[in-house]
PDB file of N, CA and C in Angstrom:
ATOM      1  N   MET A   1     112.223  -9.771  46.721  1.00  0.00           N
ATOM      2  CA  MET A   1     111.464  -9.031  46.490  1.00  0.00           C
ATOM      3  C   MET A   1     110.199  -8.698  47.445  1.00  0.00           C
ATOM      4  N   ASN A   2     109.866  -7.780  47.636  1.00  0.00           N
ATOM      5  CA  ASN A   2     108.989  -7.596  49.044  1.00  0.00           C
ATOM      6  C   ASN A   2     107.324  -7.691  47.820  1.00  0.00           C
ATOM      7  N   LYS A   3     106.567  -8.316  48.342  1.00  0.00           N
ATOM      8  CA  LYS A   3     105.456  -8.585  47.729  1.00  0.00           C
ATOM      9  C   LYS A   3     104.125  -7.788  48.596  1.00  0.00           C
ATOM     10  N   GLN A   4     104.438  -7.058  49.633  1.00  0.00           N
ATOM     11  CA  GLN A   4     103.629  -6.320  50.178  1.00  0.00           C
ATOM     12  C   GLN A   4     102.939  -5.113  49.067  1.00  0.00           C
ATOM     13  N   PRO A   5     101.703  -4.867  49.246  1.00  0.00           N
ATOM     14  CA  PRO A   5     101.010  -3.869  48.460  1.00  0.00           C
ATOM     15  C   PRO A   5     101.727  -2.490  48.813  1.00  0.00           C
ATOM     16  N   ILE A   6     101.936  -1.542  47.716  1.00  0.00           N
ATOM     17  CA  ILE A   6     102.406  -0.206  47.855  1.00  0.00           C
ATOM     18  C   ILE A   6     101.812   0.642  48.625  1.00  0.00           C
ATOM     19  N   GLU A   7     100.639   0.274  48.987  1.00  0.00           N
ATOM     20  CA  GLU A   7      99.768   1.275  50.097  1.00  0.00           C
ATOM     21  C   GLU A   7      99.847   0.914  51.302  1.00  0.00           C
ATOM     22  N   GLN A   8     100.757  -0.332  51.665  1.00  0.00           N
ATOM     23  CA  GLN A   8     101.144  -0.658  52.920  1.00  0.00           C
ATOM     24  C   GLN A   8     102.648  -0.449  53.299  1.00  0.00           C
ATOM     25  N   ALA A   9     103.334   0.374  52.284  1.00  0.00           N
ATOM     26  CA  ALA A   9     104.693   0.664  52.600  1.00  0.00           C
ATOM     27  C   ALA A   9     104.776   1.346  53.838  1.00  0.00           C
ATOM     28  N   ARG A  10     106.052   1.406  54.515  1.00  0.00           N
ATOM     29  CA  ARG A  10     106.559   1.992  55.592  1.00  0.00           C
ATOM     30  C   ARG A  10     106.647   3.520  55.371  1.00  0.00           C
ATOM     31  N   ASP A  11     107.456   3.666  53.995  1.00  0.00           N
ATOM     32  CA  ASP A  11     107.691   5.147  53.475  1.00  0.00           C
ATOM     33  C   ASP A  11     106.344   5.862  53.007  1.00  0.00           C
ATOM     34  N   ARG A  12     106.166   6.963  53.775  1.00  0.00           N
ATOM     35  CA  ARG A  12     104.912   7.643  53.220  1.00  0.00           C
ATOM     36  C   ARG A  12     105.031   8.177  51.916  1.00  0.00           C
ATOM     37  N   ASP A  13     106.081   8.714  51.556  1.00  0.00           N
ATOM     38  CA  ASP A  13     106.193   9.124  49.884  1.00  0.00           C
ATOM     39  C   ASP A  13     105.718   7.919  49.213  1.00  0.00           C
ATOM     40  N   LEU A  14     106.013   6.949  49.334  1.00  0.00           N
ATOM     41  CA  LEU A  14     106.103   5.669  48.360  1.00  0.00           C
ATOM     42  C   LEU A  14     104.761   5.034  48.466  1.00  0.00           C
ATOM     43  N   ARG A  15     104.206   5.342  49.890  1.00  0.00           N
ATOM     44  CA  ARG A  15     102.632   5.056  49.970  1.00  0.00           C
ATOM     45  C   ARG A  15     101.766   6.092  49.070  1.00  0.00           C
ATOM     46  N   LEU A  16     102.211   7.034  49.026  1.00  0.00           N
ATOM     47  CA  LEU A  16     101.352   8.291  48.190  1.00  0.00           C
ATOM     48  C   LEU A  16     101.820   8.509  46.902  1.00  0.00           C
ATOM     49  N   SER A  17     102.781   7.385  46.445  1.00  0.00           N
ATOM     50  CA  SER A  17     103.386   7.833  45.008  1.00  0.00           C
ATOM     51  C   SER A  17     102.282   7.281  43.750  1.00  0.00           C
ATOM     52  N   GLN A  18     101.283   6.482  44.255  1.00  0.00           N
ATOM     53  CA  GLN A  18     100.460   6.030  43.147  1.00  0.00           C
ATOM     54  C   GLN A  18      99.457   7.358  42.843  1.00  0.00           C
ATOM     55  N   ARG A  19      98.960   8.116  43.900  1.00  0.00           N
ATOM     56  CA  ARG A  19      97.988   9.167  43.830  1.00  0.00           C
ATOM     57  C   ARG A  19      98.720  10.128  42.834  1.00  0.00           C
ATOM     58  N   ALA A  20     100.345  10.409  43.386  1.00  0.00           N
ATOM     59  CA  ALA A  20     100.715  11.495  42.681  1.00  0.00           C
ATOM     60  C   ALA A  20     101.029  11.097  41.190  1.00  0.00           C
ATOM     61  N   LEU A  21     101.373   9.981  40.968  1.00  0.00           N
ATOM     62  CA  LEU A  21     101.214   9.593  39.176  1.00  0.00           C
ATOM     63  C   LEU A  21      99.978   9.911  38.617  1.00  0.00           C
ATOM     64  N   ARG A  22      98.724   9.327  39.217  1.00  0.00           N
ATOM     65  CA  ARG A  22      97.621   9.664  38.638  1.00  0.00           C
ATOM     66  C   ARG A  22      97.302  11.170  38.593  1.00  0.00           C
ATOM     67  N   ARG A  23      97.741  11.715  39.577  1.00  0.00           N
ATOM     68  CA  ARG A  23      97.351  13.225  39.182  1.00  0.00           C
ATOM     69  C   ARG A  23      98.157  13.980  38.463  1.00  0.00           C
ATOM     70  N   ALA A  24      99.428  13.539  38.207  1.00  0.00           N
ATOM     71  CA  ALA A  24     100.269  13.959  36.961  1.00  0.00           C
ATOM     72  C   ALA A  24      99.679  13.451  35.848  1.00  0.00           C
ATOM     73  N   ALA A  25      99.349  12.411  35.683  1.00  0.00           N
ATOM     74  CA  ALA A  25      98.622  11.856  34.452  1.00  0.00           C
ATOM     75  C   ALA A  25      97.227  12.717  34.090  1.00  0.00           C
ATOM     76  N   GLN A  26      96.762  12.798  34.937  1.00  0.00           N
ATOM     77  CA  GLN A  26      95.459  13.798  34.714  1.00  0.00           C
ATOM     78  C   GLN A  26      95.851  14.896  34.193  1.00  0.00           C
ATOM     79  N   ARG A  27      96.887  15.668  34.763  1.00  0.00           N
ATOM     80  CA  ARG A  27      97.334  16.889  34.404  1.00  0.00           C
ATOM     81  C   ARG A  27      97.917  16.876  32.862  1.00  0.00           C
ATOM     82  N   ALA A  28      98.786  15.796  32.712  1.00  0.00           N
ATOM     83  CA  ALA A  28      99.161  15.807  31.085  1.00  0.00           C
ATOM     84  C   ALA A  28      97.846  15.571  30.391  1.00  0.00           C
ATOM     85  N   HIS A  29      96.975  14.840  30.660  1.00  0.00           N
ATOM     86  CA  HIS A  29      95.712  14.853  29.504  1.00  0.00           C
ATOM     87  C   HIS A  29      94.981  15.988  29.679  1.00  0.00           C
ATOM     88  N   GLU A  30      95.007  16.815  30.661  1.00  0.00           N
ATOM     89  CA  GLU A  30      94.398  18.042  30.436  1.00  0.00           C
ATOM     90  C   GLU A  30      95.112  19.318  29.609  1.00  0.00           C
ATOM     91  N   LEU A  31      96.473  18.987  29.756  1.00  0.00           N
ATOM     92  CA  LEU A  31      97.341  19.706  28.904  1.00  0.00           C
ATOM     93  C   LEU A  31      97.483  19.692  27.608  1.00  0.00           C
ATOM     94  N   ALA A  32      97.378  18.230  27.104  1.00  0.00           N
ATOM     95  CA  ALA A  32      97.672  17.865  25.923  1.00  0.00           C
ATOM     96  C   ALA A  32      96.075  18.233  25.121  1.00  0.00           C
ATOM     97  N   LYS A  33      94.938  18.060  25.756  1.00  0.00           N
ATOM     98  CA  LYS A  33      93.708  18.446  25.399  1.00  0.00           C
ATOM     99  C   LYS A  33      93.699  19.838  25.001  1.00  0.00           C
ATOM    100  N   THR A  34      94.136  20.773  26.178  1.00  0.00           N
ATOM    101  CA  THR A  34      94.339  22.181  25.831  1.00  0.00           C
ATOM    102  C   THR A  34      95.171  22.726  24.747  1.00  0.00           C
ATOM    103  N   THR A  35      96.399  22.116  24.672  1.00  0.00           N
ATOM    104  CA  THR A  35      97.504  22.230  23.417  1.00  0.00           C
ATOM    105  C   THR A  35      97.103  21.309  22.308  1.00  0.00           C
ATOM    106  N   GLY A  36      96.194  20.517  22.305  1.00  0.00           N
ATOM    107  CA  GLY A  36      95.864  19.679  21.022  1.00  0.00           C
ATOM    108  C   GLY A  36      97.307  18.909  20.647  1.00  0.00           C
ATOM    109  N   THR A  37      97.899  18.443  21.651  1.00  0.00           N
ATOM    110  CA  THR A  37      99.123  17.540  21.588  1.00  0.00           C
ATOM    111  C   THR A  37      98.670  16.133  21.915  1.00  0.00           C
ATOM    112  N   ALA A  38      99.391  15.029  21.375  1.00  0.00           N
ATOM    113  CA  ALA A  38      99.202  13.834  21.684  1.00  0.00           C
ATOM    114  C   ALA A  38     100.101  13.210  23.162  1.00  0.00           C
ATOM    115  N   ILE A  39      99.530  12.134  23.439  1.00  0.00           N
ATOM    116  CA  ILE A  39     100.092  11.693  24.822  1.00  0.00           C
ATOM    117  C   ILE A  39     100.797  10.480  24.411  1.00  0.00           C
ATOM    118  N   VAL A  40     101.985  10.285  24.506  1.00  0.00           N
ATOM    119  CA  VAL A  40     102.795   8.906  24.407  1.00  0.00           C
ATOM    120  C   VAL A  40     102.668   8.109  25.359  1.00  0.00           C
ATOM    121  N   VAL A  41     102.213   6.861  25.120  1.00  0.00           N
ATOM    122  CA  VAL A  41     102.155   6.145  26.232  1.00  0.00           C
ATOM    123  C   VAL A  41     102.849   4.653  25.728  1.00  0.00           C
ATOM    124  N   SER A  42     103.229   3.810  26.726  1.00  0.00           N
ATOM    125  CA  SER A  42     103.615   2.378  26.351  1.00  0.00           C
ATOM    126  C   SER A  42     102.698   1.323  27.138  1.00  0.00           C
ATOM    127  N   ARG A  43     102.219   0.530  26.180  1.00  0.00           N
ATOM    128  CA  ARG A  43     101.027  -0.524  26.522  1.00  0.00           C
ATOM    129  C   ARG A  43     101.772  -1.742  26.036  1.00  0.00           C
ATOM    130  N   ASP A  44     101.874  -2.947  26.840  1.00  0.00           N
ATOM    131  CA  ASP A  44     102.428  -4.024  26.606  1.00  0.00           C
ATOM    132  C   ASP A  44     103.716  -4.198  25.532  1.00  0.00           C
ATOM    133  N   GLY A  45     104.583  -3.127  25.947  1.00  0.00           N
ATOM    134  CA  GLY A  45     105.849  -3.010  25.180  1.00  0.00           C
ATOM    135  C   GLY A  45     105.509  -2.309  23.845  1.00  0.00           C
ATOM    136  N   ALA A  46     104.113  -1.719  23.447  1.00  0.00           N
ATOM    137  CA  ALA A  46     103.883  -1.230  22.151  1.00  0.00           C
ATOM    138  C   ALA A  46     103.661   0.459  22.413  1.00  0.00           C
ATOM    139  N   ILE A  47     104.221   1.420  21.649  1.00  0.00           N
ATOM    140  CA  ILE A  47     104.082   2.769  21.614  1.00  0.00           C
ATOM    141  C   ILE A  47     102.949   3.110  21.310  1.00  0.00           C
ATOM    142  N   GLU A  48     102.097   3.746  22.072  1.00  0.00           N
ATOM    143  CA  GLU A  48     100.853   4.606  21.462  1.00  0.00           C
ATOM    144  C   GLU A  48     100.742   5.946  21.669  1.00  0.00           C
ATOM    145  N   TYR A  49     100.074   6.628  20.709  1.00  0.00           N
ATOM    146  CA  TYR A  49      99.841   7.858  20.655  1.00  0.00           C
ATOM    147  C   TYR A  49      98.390   8.124  20.879  1.00  0.00           C
ATOM    148  N   LEU A  50      98.301   8.842  21.955  1.00  0.00           N
ATOM    149  CA  LEU A  50      96.890   9.105  22.316  1.00  0.00           C
ATOM    150  C   LEU A  50      96.360  10.481  22.048  1.00  0.00           C
ATOM    151  N   THR A  51      95.633  10.911  20.917  1.00  0.00           N
ATOM    152  CA  THR A  51      95.024  12.100  20.605  1.00  0.00           C
ATOM    153  C   THR A  51      93.975  12.511  21.396  1.00  0.00           C
ATOM    154  N   PRO A  52      93.992  13.662  22.176  1.00  0.00           N
ATOM    155  CA  PRO A  52      92.824  13.904  22.803  1.00  0.00           C
ATOM    156  C   PRO A  52      91.623  14.716  22.045  1.00  0.00           C
ATOM    157  N   LYS A  53      90.618  14.637  22.510  1.00  0.00           N
ATOM    158  CA  LYS A  53      89.457  15.395  21.816  1.00  0.00           C
ATOM    159  C   LYS A  53      89.823  16.898  22.019  1.00  0.00           C
ATOM    160  N   PRO A  54      89.524  17.879  21.209  1.00  0.00           N
ATOM    161  CA  PRO A  54      89.819  19.238  21.234  1.00  0.00           C
ATOM    162  C   PRO A  54      88.720  19.761  22.357  1.00  0.00           C
ATOM    163  N   PRO A  55      89.284  20.696  22.937  1.00  0.00           N
ATOM    164  CA  PRO A  55      88.261  21.320  23.989  1.00  0.00           C
ATOM    165  C   PRO A  55      87.052  21.657  23.546  1.00  0.00           C
ATOM    166  N   ASP A  56      86.087  21.690  24.169  1.00  0.00           N
ATOM    167  CA  ASP A  56      84.549  21.982  23.904  1.00  0.00           C
ATOM    168  C   ASP A  56      84.445  23.440  23.481  1.00  0.00           C
ATOM    169  N   ALA A  57      84.089  23.863  22.395  1.00  0.00           N
ATOM    170  CA  ALA A  57      83.877  25.320  21.877  1.00  0.00           C
ATOM    171  C   ALA A  57      82.886  25.938  22.562  1.00  0.00           C
ATOM    172  N   PRO A  58      83.085  27.335  23.049  1.00  0.00           N
ATOM    173  CA  PRO A  58      81.924  27.940  23.789  1.00  0.00           C
ATOM    174  C   PRO A  58      80.788  28.192  22.912  1.00  0.00           C
ATOM    175  N   THR A  59      79.701  27.998  23.304  1.00  0.00           N
ATOM    176  CA  THR A  59      78.659  28.066  22.445  1.00  0.00           C
ATOM    177  C   THR A  59      78.174  29.459  22.881  1.00  0.00           C
ATOM    178  N   PRO A  60      77.655  30.285  21.263  1.00  0.00           N
ATOM    179  CA  PRO A  60      77.302  31.186  21.323  1.00  0.00           C
ATOM    180  C   PRO A  60      76.071  31.843  22.443  1.00  0.00           C
ATOM    181  N   GLY A  61      76.076  32.700  22.865  1.00  0.00           N
ATOM    182  CA  GLY A  61      75.090  33.158  24.026  1.00  0.00           C
ATOM    183  C   GLY A  61      74.245  33.989  23.637  1.00  0.00           C
TER     184      GLY A  61
END
């Protein structure tokens, strides 16, 4: 098994994959917040449901 950090991989797609996954996770959180749905994650082998806070209501002006 290669113990080299992924940021040092020769393959450009592999090097940039962590950033892409972070962007995808951020977008998933934004979408869940907008639609009021939970995000399902696995932490230490346990399934967790993350319920986002609802979007801020516009203040009457």
